Amino acid sequence: MEKIKTSKTGIFSGSFNPIHIGHLALANYLCEYEGLDEVWFMVSPQNPLKTKTELWSDELRLQLVELSISDYPRFRASDFEFHLPRPSYSVYTLEKLREAYPDREFHFIIGSDNWARFDRWYQSERIIKENQIIIYPRPGFPVKEEELPETVRLVHSPVFEISSTFIREALDAGKDIRYFLHPKVWEVIKNLRNT
């Protein structure tokens, strides 16, 4: 009996507040150059234990992700964490994903800035033991590749020095930053600002 091919699915988790071309270009690179069949943009819900610092609504952030990825068949927007107990810890999200989609091989995508403080994550050792992890480079956070655990690999993607904080601050300052955002996302944001 022929073994069914396991789909290699990258889990790109974040607040995407808002999603920008840096997120999209990185995910595109991982599909085209690093062997992932798909990347799921896992929009993180508002954490009730944290103050609502500049976080746009869950629905708006998810909508903007959906709009920005609609033209590329290997991307998917996911509200999976919206339906899990909060606060949502990555270790539990990944566990629930494996249960819900046993035919997929999940690869957890994080920046080298997060890897630098990964030992502070909730049950970080368990995440490393039970999951494949992809680290992408972030400015100022080099990774010693030879010291990485077996389940962790560093990719040599282009470095994108764009942050959602930069985008929000630019918007608040009235800047026209259309080329930092997907055109559909820019249209929605522009219309929201004008209402």
N, C-alpha and C. Protein backbone atom coordinates (compact mmCIF):
# COMPACT_ATOMS: atom_id res chain seq x y z
N MET A 1 0.84 -1.20 0.00
CA MET A 1 0.00 0.00 0.00
C MET A 1 0.88 1.25 0.00
N GLU A 2 0.58 2.16 -0.89
CA GLU A 2 1.39 3.36 -1.01
C GLU A 2 1.15 4.30 0.17
N LYS A 3 2.26 4.76 0.77
CA LYS A 3 2.14 5.67 1.92
C LYS A 3 1.73 7.06 1.43
N ILE A 4 0.73 7.62 2.10
CA ILE A 4 0.25 8.96 1.74
C ILE A 4 1.31 9.98 2.17
N LYS A 5 1.64 10.90 1.27
CA LYS A 5 2.65 11.92 1.55
C LYS A 5 2.15 12.85 2.67
N THR A 6 3.00 13.03 3.65
CA THR A 6 2.67 13.95 4.75
C THR A 6 2.92 15.38 4.27
N SER A 7 1.93 16.23 4.50
CA SER A 7 2.08 17.63 4.09
C SER A 7 2.91 18.38 5.12
N LYS A 8 4.00 19.01 4.65
CA LYS A 8 4.85 19.80 5.54
C LYS A 8 4.26 21.20 5.67
N THR A 9 3.76 21.48 6.86
CA THR A 9 3.00 22.71 7.09
C THR A 9 3.71 23.60 8.10
N GLY A 10 4.08 24.79 7.67
CA GLY A 10 4.70 25.75 8.58
C GLY A 10 3.65 26.49 9.38
N ILE A 11 3.88 26.60 10.68
CA ILE A 11 2.98 27.37 11.55
C ILE A 11 3.68 28.69 11.89
N PHE A 12 3.16 29.75 11.30
CA PHE A 12 3.71 31.08 11.51
C PHE A 12 2.75 31.81 12.43
N SER A 13 3.07 31.81 13.70
CA SER A 13 2.16 32.35 14.71
C SER A 13 2.55 33.78 15.06
N GLY A 14 1.56 34.64 15.21
CA GLY A 14 1.87 36.01 15.59
C GLY A 14 0.61 36.84 15.71
N SER A 15 0.79 38.07 16.19
CA SER A 15 -0.37 38.94 16.31
C SER A 15 -0.74 39.54 14.95
N PHE A 16 0.24 39.64 14.02
CA PHE A 16 -0.01 40.21 12.69
C PHE A 16 -0.84 41.50 12.84
N ASN A 17 -0.20 42.46 13.49
CA ASN A 17 -0.91 43.66 13.95
C ASN A 17 -0.34 44.95 13.34
N PRO A 18 -0.41 45.12 11.99
CA PRO A 18 -1.02 44.23 10.99
C PRO A 18 0.03 43.39 10.25
N ILE A 19 -0.46 42.48 9.41
CA ILE A 19 0.41 41.71 8.54
C ILE A 19 1.04 42.67 7.52
N HIS A 20 2.33 42.44 7.19
CA HIS A 20 3.02 43.32 6.24
C HIS A 20 3.85 42.48 5.27
N ILE A 21 4.51 43.13 4.33
CA ILE A 21 5.21 42.39 3.28
C ILE A 21 6.39 41.58 3.82
N GLY A 22 6.94 41.96 4.97
CA GLY A 22 8.00 41.16 5.57
C GLY A 22 7.50 39.76 5.94
N HIS A 23 6.32 39.70 6.57
CA HIS A 23 5.70 38.41 6.91
C HIS A 23 5.47 37.58 5.65
N LEU A 24 4.90 38.23 4.65
CA LEU A 24 4.52 37.52 3.42
C LEU A 24 5.73 37.03 2.65
N ALA A 25 6.75 37.87 2.54
CA ALA A 25 7.95 37.48 1.79
C ALA A 25 8.68 36.33 2.49
N LEU A 26 8.74 36.36 3.81
CA LEU A 26 9.38 35.28 4.55
C LEU A 26 8.64 33.96 4.32
N ALA A 27 7.32 33.98 4.48
CA ALA A 27 6.53 32.76 4.30
C ALA A 27 6.65 32.23 2.87
N ASN A 28 6.66 33.14 1.91
CA ASN A 28 6.83 32.79 0.50
C ASN A 28 8.18 32.08 0.30
N TYR A 29 9.23 32.63 0.90
CA TYR A 29 10.57 32.04 0.83
C TYR A 29 10.56 30.62 1.40
N LEU A 30 9.91 30.43 2.54
CA LEU A 30 9.90 29.12 3.19
C LEU A 30 9.20 28.07 2.33
N CYS A 31 8.17 28.48 1.60
CA CYS A 31 7.48 27.55 0.70
C CYS A 31 8.33 27.24 -0.53
N GLU A 32 8.93 28.26 -1.10
CA GLU A 32 9.63 28.08 -2.38
C GLU A 32 11.05 27.54 -2.24
N TYR A 33 11.70 27.79 -1.08
CA TYR A 33 13.11 27.43 -0.94
C TYR A 33 13.41 26.43 0.18
N GLU A 34 12.51 26.28 1.13
CA GLU A 34 12.83 25.47 2.32
C GLU A 34 11.95 24.24 2.50
N GLY A 35 11.22 23.85 1.45
CA GLY A 35 10.53 22.56 1.47
C GLY A 35 9.18 22.51 2.14
N LEU A 36 8.63 23.65 2.52
CA LEU A 36 7.29 23.62 3.12
C LEU A 36 6.23 23.57 2.01
N ASP A 37 5.22 22.75 2.23
CA ASP A 37 4.11 22.68 1.27
C ASP A 37 3.14 23.84 1.47
N GLU A 38 3.00 24.24 2.73
CA GLU A 38 2.07 25.33 3.07
C GLU A 38 2.61 26.10 4.26
N VAL A 39 2.16 27.34 4.40
CA VAL A 39 2.37 28.09 5.63
C VAL A 39 1.00 28.56 6.11
N TRP A 40 0.73 28.26 7.38
CA TRP A 40 -0.50 28.74 8.02
C TRP A 40 -0.15 29.94 8.88
N PHE A 41 -0.82 31.05 8.61
CA PHE A 41 -0.67 32.26 9.43
C PHE A 41 -1.62 32.13 10.61
N MET A 42 -1.05 31.80 11.78
CA MET A 42 -1.84 31.54 12.98
C MET A 42 -1.99 32.85 13.75
N VAL A 43 -3.14 33.49 13.60
CA VAL A 43 -3.35 34.79 14.25
C VAL A 43 -3.60 34.56 15.74
N SER A 44 -2.75 35.19 16.57
CA SER A 44 -2.88 35.03 18.02
C SER A 44 -3.99 35.92 18.55
N PRO A 45 -4.86 35.37 19.39
CA PRO A 45 -5.93 36.20 19.96
C PRO A 45 -5.40 37.16 21.01
N GLN A 46 -6.19 38.16 21.31
CA GLN A 46 -5.84 39.09 22.38
C GLN A 46 -5.70 38.32 23.69
N ASN A 47 -4.59 38.50 24.36
CA ASN A 47 -4.37 37.85 25.64
C ASN A 47 -5.08 38.65 26.73
N PRO A 48 -6.07 38.04 27.41
CA PRO A 48 -6.83 38.80 28.42
C PRO A 48 -5.99 39.23 29.62
N LEU A 49 -4.84 38.59 29.80
CA LEU A 49 -3.99 38.94 30.94
C LEU A 49 -3.08 40.13 30.65
N LYS A 50 -3.05 40.55 29.39
CA LYS A 50 -2.20 41.68 29.02
C LYS A 50 -3.07 42.90 28.73
N THR A 51 -2.49 44.07 28.91
CA THR A 51 -3.22 45.27 28.55
C THR A 51 -3.33 45.35 27.04
N LYS A 52 -4.40 45.91 26.58
CA LYS A 52 -4.64 45.96 25.14
C LYS A 52 -3.80 47.07 24.53
N THR A 53 -2.53 46.79 24.34
CA THR A 53 -1.59 47.80 23.83
C THR A 53 -1.62 47.80 22.31
N GLU A 54 -2.37 48.72 21.77
CA GLU A 54 -2.33 48.93 20.32
C GLU A 54 -2.73 47.70 19.50
N LEU A 55 -3.34 46.68 20.14
CA LEU A 55 -3.70 45.49 19.39
C LEU A 55 -5.04 45.68 18.71
N TRP A 56 -5.04 45.54 17.39
CA TRP A 56 -6.28 45.65 16.63
C TRP A 56 -7.15 44.43 16.94
N SER A 57 -8.43 44.52 16.63
CA SER A 57 -9.35 43.43 16.98
C SER A 57 -8.94 42.13 16.30
N ASP A 58 -9.28 41.01 16.95
CA ASP A 58 -8.98 39.68 16.39
C ASP A 58 -9.53 39.56 14.97
N GLU A 59 -10.77 40.01 14.81
CA GLU A 59 -11.47 39.86 13.52
C GLU A 59 -10.78 40.66 12.41
N LEU A 60 -10.36 41.89 12.74
CA LEU A 60 -9.71 42.74 11.73
C LEU A 60 -8.36 42.15 11.34
N ARG A 61 -7.59 41.72 12.32
CA ARG A 61 -6.26 41.16 12.02
C ARG A 61 -6.39 39.89 11.17
N LEU A 62 -7.37 39.05 11.48
CA LEU A 62 -7.60 37.84 10.69
C LEU A 62 -8.05 38.20 9.26
N GLN A 63 -8.94 39.18 9.17
CA GLN A 63 -9.43 39.62 7.85
C GLN A 63 -8.28 40.13 6.97
N LEU A 64 -7.38 40.90 7.56
CA LEU A 64 -6.26 41.45 6.79
C LEU A 64 -5.31 40.34 6.34
N VAL A 65 -5.11 39.33 7.19
CA VAL A 65 -4.29 38.18 6.78
C VAL A 65 -4.96 37.48 5.59
N GLU A 66 -6.28 37.22 5.72
CA GLU A 66 -7.01 36.53 4.64
C GLU A 66 -6.91 37.29 3.32
N LEU A 67 -7.06 38.61 3.39
CA LEU A 67 -6.97 39.43 2.17
C LEU A 67 -5.58 39.36 1.54
N SER A 68 -4.56 39.41 2.38
CA SER A 68 -3.19 39.49 1.85
C SER A 68 -2.68 38.18 1.28
N ILE A 69 -3.28 37.05 1.65
CA ILE A 69 -2.77 35.75 1.18
C ILE A 69 -3.67 35.09 0.14
N SER A 70 -4.75 35.73 -0.22
CA SER A 70 -5.77 35.09 -1.08
C SER A 70 -5.25 34.70 -2.47
N ASP A 71 -4.19 35.34 -2.95
CA ASP A 71 -3.70 35.05 -4.30
C ASP A 71 -2.64 33.94 -4.37
N TYR A 72 -2.22 33.42 -3.23
CA TYR A 72 -1.14 32.43 -3.22
C TYR A 72 -1.68 31.14 -2.57
N PRO A 73 -1.82 30.06 -3.34
CA PRO A 73 -2.52 28.87 -2.85
C PRO A 73 -1.83 28.12 -1.71
N ARG A 74 -0.56 28.44 -1.43
CA ARG A 74 0.15 27.70 -0.38
C ARG A 74 0.09 28.38 0.98
N PHE A 75 -0.64 29.49 1.06
CA PHE A 75 -0.85 30.19 2.32
C PHE A 75 -2.27 29.93 2.83
N ARG A 76 -2.39 29.93 4.17
CA ARG A 76 -3.71 29.77 4.77
C ARG A 76 -3.78 30.63 6.03
N ALA A 77 -4.91 31.30 6.21
CA ALA A 77 -5.14 32.06 7.44
C ALA A 77 -5.82 31.14 8.44
N SER A 78 -5.39 31.20 9.69
CA SER A 78 -5.96 30.31 10.70
C SER A 78 -6.38 31.06 11.95
N ASP A 79 -7.60 30.75 12.40
CA ASP A 79 -8.09 31.29 13.67
C ASP A 79 -8.10 30.19 14.73
N PHE A 80 -7.28 29.17 14.52
CA PHE A 80 -7.24 27.99 15.39
C PHE A 80 -7.12 28.37 16.87
N GLU A 81 -6.24 29.33 17.15
CA GLU A 81 -6.02 29.71 18.56
C GLU A 81 -7.19 30.48 19.15
N PHE A 82 -8.07 31.02 18.31
CA PHE A 82 -9.24 31.73 18.83
C PHE A 82 -10.14 30.78 19.61
N HIS A 83 -10.04 29.48 19.32
CA HIS A 83 -10.95 28.49 19.90
C HIS A 83 -10.29 27.66 21.01
N LEU A 84 -9.10 28.08 21.43
CA LEU A 84 -8.40 27.39 22.50
C LEU A 84 -8.49 28.21 23.79
N PRO A 85 -8.31 27.55 24.95
CA PRO A 85 -8.30 28.31 26.21
C PRO A 85 -7.22 29.38 26.18
N ARG A 86 -7.49 30.50 26.85
CA ARG A 86 -6.52 31.60 26.87
C ARG A 86 -5.96 31.80 28.26
N PRO A 87 -4.72 32.24 28.40
CA PRO A 87 -3.81 32.55 27.31
C PRO A 87 -3.38 31.30 26.55
N SER A 88 -3.13 31.45 25.26
CA SER A 88 -2.77 30.30 24.43
C SER A 88 -1.25 30.13 24.42
N TYR A 89 -0.79 29.03 24.96
CA TYR A 89 0.64 28.71 24.95
C TYR A 89 0.96 27.90 23.71
N SER A 90 2.10 28.17 23.09
CA SER A 90 2.49 27.49 21.86
C SER A 90 2.54 25.98 22.04
N VAL A 91 2.99 25.51 23.20
CA VAL A 91 3.11 24.07 23.42
C VAL A 91 1.75 23.39 23.28
N TYR A 92 0.69 24.05 23.77
CA TYR A 92 -0.65 23.46 23.67
C TYR A 92 -1.23 23.61 22.27
N THR A 93 -0.98 24.76 21.65
CA THR A 93 -1.46 24.98 20.27
C THR A 93 -0.91 23.89 19.36
N LEU A 94 0.40 23.64 19.45
CA LEU A 94 1.04 22.64 18.60
C LEU A 94 0.52 21.24 18.89
N GLU A 95 0.27 20.96 20.17
CA GLU A 95 -0.28 19.65 20.55
C GLU A 95 -1.67 19.46 19.94
N LYS A 96 -2.50 20.48 20.04
CA LYS A 96 -3.87 20.41 19.49
C LYS A 96 -3.86 20.32 17.97
N LEU A 97 -2.91 21.00 17.33
CA LEU A 97 -2.79 20.92 15.87
C LEU A 97 -2.45 19.50 15.43
N ARG A 98 -1.52 18.87 16.13
CA ARG A 98 -1.14 17.50 15.78
C ARG A 98 -2.32 16.54 15.94
N GLU A 99 -3.14 16.78 16.98
CA GLU A 99 -4.33 15.95 17.19
C GLU A 99 -5.36 16.17 16.09
N ALA A 100 -5.56 17.42 15.72
CA ALA A 100 -6.60 17.77 14.73
C ALA A 100 -6.20 17.40 13.30
N TYR A 101 -4.90 17.43 13.02
CA TYR A 101 -4.42 17.18 11.64
C TYR A 101 -3.29 16.15 11.66
N PRO A 102 -3.62 14.87 11.92
CA PRO A 102 -2.56 13.86 12.02
C PRO A 102 -1.82 13.59 10.71
N ASP A 103 -2.39 14.04 9.60
CA ASP A 103 -1.76 13.82 8.29
C ASP A 103 -0.73 14.90 7.94
N ARG A 104 -0.51 15.83 8.85
CA ARG A 104 0.42 16.93 8.56
C ARG A 104 1.65 16.86 9.46
N GLU A 105 2.77 17.29 8.91
CA GLU A 105 4.00 17.42 9.69
C GLU A 105 4.20 18.92 9.92
N PHE A 106 4.01 19.34 11.14
CA PHE A 106 4.07 20.77 11.43
C PHE A 106 5.49 21.24 11.73
N HIS A 107 5.80 22.42 11.23
CA HIS A 107 7.09 23.08 11.47
C HIS A 107 6.78 24.45 12.07
N PHE A 108 7.23 24.66 13.30
CA PHE A 108 6.95 25.90 14.02
C PHE A 108 7.98 26.95 13.62
N ILE A 109 7.51 28.08 13.11
CA ILE A 109 8.38 29.13 12.56
C ILE A 109 8.57 30.25 13.59
N ILE A 110 9.82 30.52 13.95
CA ILE A 110 10.09 31.64 14.88
C ILE A 110 11.31 32.42 14.42
N GLY A 111 11.38 33.66 14.85
CA GLY A 111 12.53 34.51 14.54
C GLY A 111 13.68 34.22 15.49
N SER A 112 14.89 34.58 15.05
CA SER A 112 16.06 34.35 15.91
C SER A 112 16.00 35.20 17.18
N ASP A 113 15.22 36.29 17.16
CA ASP A 113 15.03 37.10 18.38
C ASP A 113 14.27 36.28 19.43
N ASN A 114 13.26 35.53 18.98
CA ASN A 114 12.52 34.67 19.91
C ASN A 114 13.36 33.47 20.34
N TRP A 115 14.17 32.95 19.42
CA TRP A 115 15.02 31.82 19.79
C TRP A 115 15.99 32.22 20.90
N ALA A 116 16.47 33.46 20.87
CA ALA A 116 17.43 33.95 21.88
C ALA A 116 16.85 33.88 23.28
N ARG A 117 15.51 33.97 23.40
CA ARG A 117 14.87 33.91 24.73
C ARG A 117 13.91 32.71 24.84
N PHE A 118 14.14 31.72 24.01
CA PHE A 118 13.22 30.58 23.94
C PHE A 118 13.17 29.80 25.25
N ASP A 119 14.26 29.82 26.00
CA ASP A 119 14.28 29.08 27.27
C ASP A 119 13.29 29.67 28.28
N ARG A 120 12.79 30.87 28.02
CA ARG A 120 11.80 31.50 28.91
C ARG A 120 10.36 31.15 28.50
N TRP A 121 10.20 30.52 27.35
CA TRP A 121 8.86 30.14 26.89
C TRP A 121 8.31 29.04 27.78
N TYR A 122 7.01 29.00 27.89
CA TYR A 122 6.34 27.98 28.68
C TYR A 122 6.60 26.59 28.07
N GLN A 123 7.18 25.69 28.86
CA GLN A 123 7.52 24.32 28.45
C GLN A 123 8.33 24.28 27.15
N SER A 124 9.35 25.13 27.10
CA SER A 124 10.18 25.25 25.89
C SER A 124 10.86 23.93 25.52
N GLU A 125 11.32 23.19 26.53
CA GLU A 125 12.00 21.91 26.25
C GLU A 125 11.05 20.93 25.56
N ARG A 126 9.80 20.95 26.00
CA ARG A 126 8.80 20.05 25.40
C ARG A 126 8.51 20.45 23.95
N ILE A 127 8.46 21.75 23.69
CA ILE A 127 8.23 22.23 22.31
C ILE A 127 9.36 21.70 21.41
N ILE A 128 10.60 21.82 21.87
CA ILE A 128 11.76 21.38 21.09
C ILE A 128 11.71 19.86 20.87
N LYS A 129 11.35 19.12 21.90
CA LYS A 129 11.35 17.66 21.85
C LYS A 129 10.26 17.13 20.90
N GLU A 130 9.10 17.79 20.91
CA GLU A 130 7.93 17.24 20.20
C GLU A 130 7.69 17.85 18.82
N ASN A 131 8.44 18.88 18.45
CA ASN A 131 8.13 19.60 17.21
C ASN A 131 9.38 19.90 16.39
N GLN A 132 9.15 20.09 15.09
CA GLN A 132 10.18 20.61 14.20
C GLN A 132 10.10 22.15 14.29
N ILE A 133 11.24 22.79 14.42
CA ILE A 133 11.27 24.26 14.55
C ILE A 133 12.16 24.84 13.45
N ILE A 134 11.65 25.89 12.82
CA ILE A 134 12.42 26.64 11.82
C ILE A 134 12.70 28.02 12.39
N ILE A 135 13.98 28.39 12.41
CA ILE A 135 14.36 29.74 12.86
C ILE A 135 14.73 30.57 11.64
N TYR A 136 14.17 31.78 11.55
CA TYR A 136 14.58 32.70 10.49
C TYR A 136 15.37 33.85 11.12
N PRO A 137 16.35 34.40 10.37
CA PRO A 137 17.21 35.44 10.95
C PRO A 137 16.50 36.77 11.19
N ARG A 138 16.84 37.38 12.32
CA ARG A 138 16.37 38.73 12.65
C ARG A 138 17.61 39.57 12.96
N PRO A 139 17.60 40.85 12.57
CA PRO A 139 18.77 41.70 12.79
C PRO A 139 19.19 41.73 14.25
N GLY A 140 20.49 41.53 14.49
CA GLY A 140 21.03 41.64 15.84
C GLY A 140 20.90 40.39 16.68
N PHE A 141 20.39 39.29 16.10
CA PHE A 141 20.22 38.06 16.87
C PHE A 141 20.83 36.87 16.11
N PRO A 142 22.17 36.79 16.11
CA PRO A 142 22.82 35.67 15.41
C PRO A 142 22.52 34.34 16.10
N VAL A 143 22.57 33.26 15.33
CA VAL A 143 22.30 31.92 15.86
C VAL A 143 23.52 31.04 15.61
N LYS A 144 23.97 30.32 16.64
CA LYS A 144 25.07 29.35 16.46
C LYS A 144 24.46 28.05 15.95
N GLU A 145 24.54 27.89 14.64
CA GLU A 145 23.87 26.77 13.97
C GLU A 145 24.35 25.42 14.49
N GLU A 146 25.64 25.34 14.79
CA GLU A 146 26.22 24.06 15.23
C GLU A 146 25.72 23.63 16.62
N GLU A 147 25.10 24.56 17.36
CA GLU A 147 24.62 24.25 18.71
C GLU A 147 23.12 23.95 18.75
N LEU A 148 22.49 23.96 17.61
CA LEU A 148 21.03 23.75 17.58
C LEU A 148 20.66 22.30 17.86
N PRO A 149 19.56 22.07 18.60
CA PRO A 149 19.07 20.70 18.80
C PRO A 149 18.67 20.06 17.46
N GLU A 150 18.52 18.76 17.47
CA GLU A 150 18.23 18.00 16.25
C GLU A 150 16.95 18.44 15.55
N THR A 151 15.97 18.86 16.33
CA THR A 151 14.66 19.22 15.76
C THR A 151 14.58 20.66 15.27
N VAL A 152 15.68 21.41 15.42
CA VAL A 152 15.68 22.84 15.10
C VAL A 152 16.64 23.12 13.95
N ARG A 153 16.17 23.92 12.99
CA ARG A 153 17.08 24.30 11.90
C ARG A 153 16.95 25.79 11.59
N LEU A 154 18.07 26.36 11.20
CA LEU A 154 18.13 27.76 10.82
C LEU A 154 18.03 27.86 9.31
N VAL A 155 17.18 28.74 8.81
CA VAL A 155 17.12 28.98 7.37
C VAL A 155 17.83 30.30 7.08
N HIS A 156 18.34 30.41 5.87
CA HIS A 156 19.10 31.61 5.51
C HIS A 156 18.27 32.48 4.57
N SER A 157 17.11 32.85 5.08
CA SER A 157 16.19 33.70 4.31
C SER A 157 16.70 35.14 4.32
N PRO A 158 16.23 35.95 3.36
CA PRO A 158 16.54 37.38 3.44
C PRO A 158 16.05 37.96 4.76
N VAL A 159 16.73 38.97 5.24
CA VAL A 159 16.34 39.60 6.51
C VAL A 159 15.45 40.80 6.21
N PHE A 160 14.29 40.81 6.85
CA PHE A 160 13.33 41.89 6.62
C PHE A 160 13.25 42.76 7.87
N GLU A 161 13.71 43.99 7.74
CA GLU A 161 13.73 44.88 8.90
C GLU A 161 12.46 45.74 8.95
N ILE A 162 11.33 45.06 8.87
CA ILE A 162 10.04 45.76 8.97
C ILE A 162 9.32 45.15 10.16
N SER A 163 8.68 45.98 10.96
CA SER A 163 7.90 45.46 12.08
C SER A 163 6.49 46.04 12.03
N SER A 164 5.57 45.34 12.66
CA SER A 164 4.20 45.85 12.74
C SER A 164 4.15 47.14 13.54
N THR A 165 5.05 47.27 14.52
CA THR A 165 5.12 48.51 15.31
C THR A 165 5.46 49.68 14.40
N PHE A 166 6.45 49.50 13.53
CA PHE A 166 6.82 50.54 12.56
C PHE A 166 5.61 50.91 11.69
N ILE A 167 4.87 49.91 11.23
CA ILE A 167 3.70 50.14 10.38
C ILE A 167 2.65 50.98 11.13
N ARG A 168 2.34 50.57 12.36
CA ARG A 168 1.31 51.29 13.13
C ARG A 168 1.74 52.73 13.41
N GLU A 169 3.01 52.92 13.77
CA GLU A 169 3.50 54.28 14.07
C GLU A 169 3.46 55.15 12.82
N ALA A 170 3.81 54.54 11.67
CA ALA A 170 3.78 55.29 10.41
C ALA A 170 2.34 55.69 10.07
N LEU A 171 1.41 54.77 10.27
CA LEU A 171 0.00 55.07 10.00
C LEU A 171 -0.50 56.19 10.92
N ASP A 172 -0.13 56.09 12.21
CA ASP A 172 -0.55 57.13 13.18
C ASP A 172 0.01 58.50 12.81
N ALA A 173 1.18 58.49 12.15
CA ALA A 173 1.81 59.75 11.74
C ALA A 173 1.30 60.23 10.38
N GLY A 174 0.34 59.48 9.81
CA GLY A 174 -0.25 59.88 8.54
C GLY A 174 0.61 59.60 7.32
N LYS A 175 1.55 58.67 7.44
CA LYS A 175 2.45 58.35 6.33
C LYS A 175 1.75 57.46 5.29
N ASP A 176 2.13 57.63 4.04
CA ASP A 176 1.64 56.76 2.96
C ASP A 176 2.66 55.64 2.80
N ILE A 177 2.36 54.49 3.41
CA ILE A 177 3.32 53.37 3.40
C ILE A 177 2.74 52.19 2.62
N ARG A 178 2.06 52.49 1.53
CA ARG A 178 1.36 51.45 0.76
C ARG A 178 2.27 50.30 0.31
N TYR A 179 3.55 50.58 0.07
CA TYR A 179 4.42 49.53 -0.46
C TYR A 179 4.97 48.61 0.63
N PHE A 180 4.65 48.91 1.87
CA PHE A 180 5.02 48.01 2.97
C PHE A 180 3.92 46.99 3.26
N LEU A 181 2.78 47.18 2.61
CA LEU A 181 1.60 46.34 2.86
C LEU A 181 1.08 45.76 1.56
N HIS A 182 0.38 44.63 1.66
CA HIS A 182 -0.31 44.09 0.49
C HIS A 182 -1.33 45.14 0.05
N PRO A 183 -1.53 45.33 -1.28
CA PRO A 183 -2.47 46.37 -1.75
C PRO A 183 -3.87 46.27 -1.15
N LYS A 184 -4.38 45.04 -0.97
CA LYS A 184 -5.74 44.88 -0.40
C LYS A 184 -5.78 45.32 1.05
N VAL A 185 -4.68 45.05 1.78
CA VAL A 185 -4.59 45.47 3.18
C VAL A 185 -4.52 47.00 3.27
N TRP A 186 -3.71 47.58 2.39
CA TRP A 186 -3.59 49.04 2.36
C TRP A 186 -4.95 49.69 2.11
N GLU A 187 -5.73 49.14 1.20
CA GLU A 187 -7.05 49.70 0.89
C GLU A 187 -7.96 49.69 2.11
N VAL A 188 -7.99 48.57 2.82
CA VAL A 188 -8.85 48.45 4.01
C VAL A 188 -8.42 49.45 5.08
N ILE A 189 -7.11 49.52 5.34
CA ILE A 189 -6.60 50.42 6.36
C ILE A 189 -6.88 51.88 6.00
N LYS A 190 -6.66 52.20 4.72
CA LYS A 190 -6.89 53.56 4.26
C LYS A 190 -8.36 53.96 4.45
N ASN A 191 -9.26 53.02 4.10
CA ASN A 191 -10.70 53.29 4.28
C ASN A 191 -11.09 53.43 5.75
N LEU A 192 -10.47 52.60 6.60
CA LEU A 192 -10.77 52.69 8.04
C LEU A 192 -10.30 54.04 8.59
N ARG A 193 -9.17 54.51 8.11
CA ARG A 193 -8.62 55.78 8.59
C ARG A 193 -9.48 56.96 8.13
N ASN A 194 -10.16 56.77 7.01
CA ASN A 194 -10.95 57.88 6.45
C ASN A 194 -12.40 57.92 6.94
N THR A 195 -12.77 56.91 7.76
CA THR A 195 -14.17 56.89 8.24
C THR A 195 -14.31 57.57 9.57
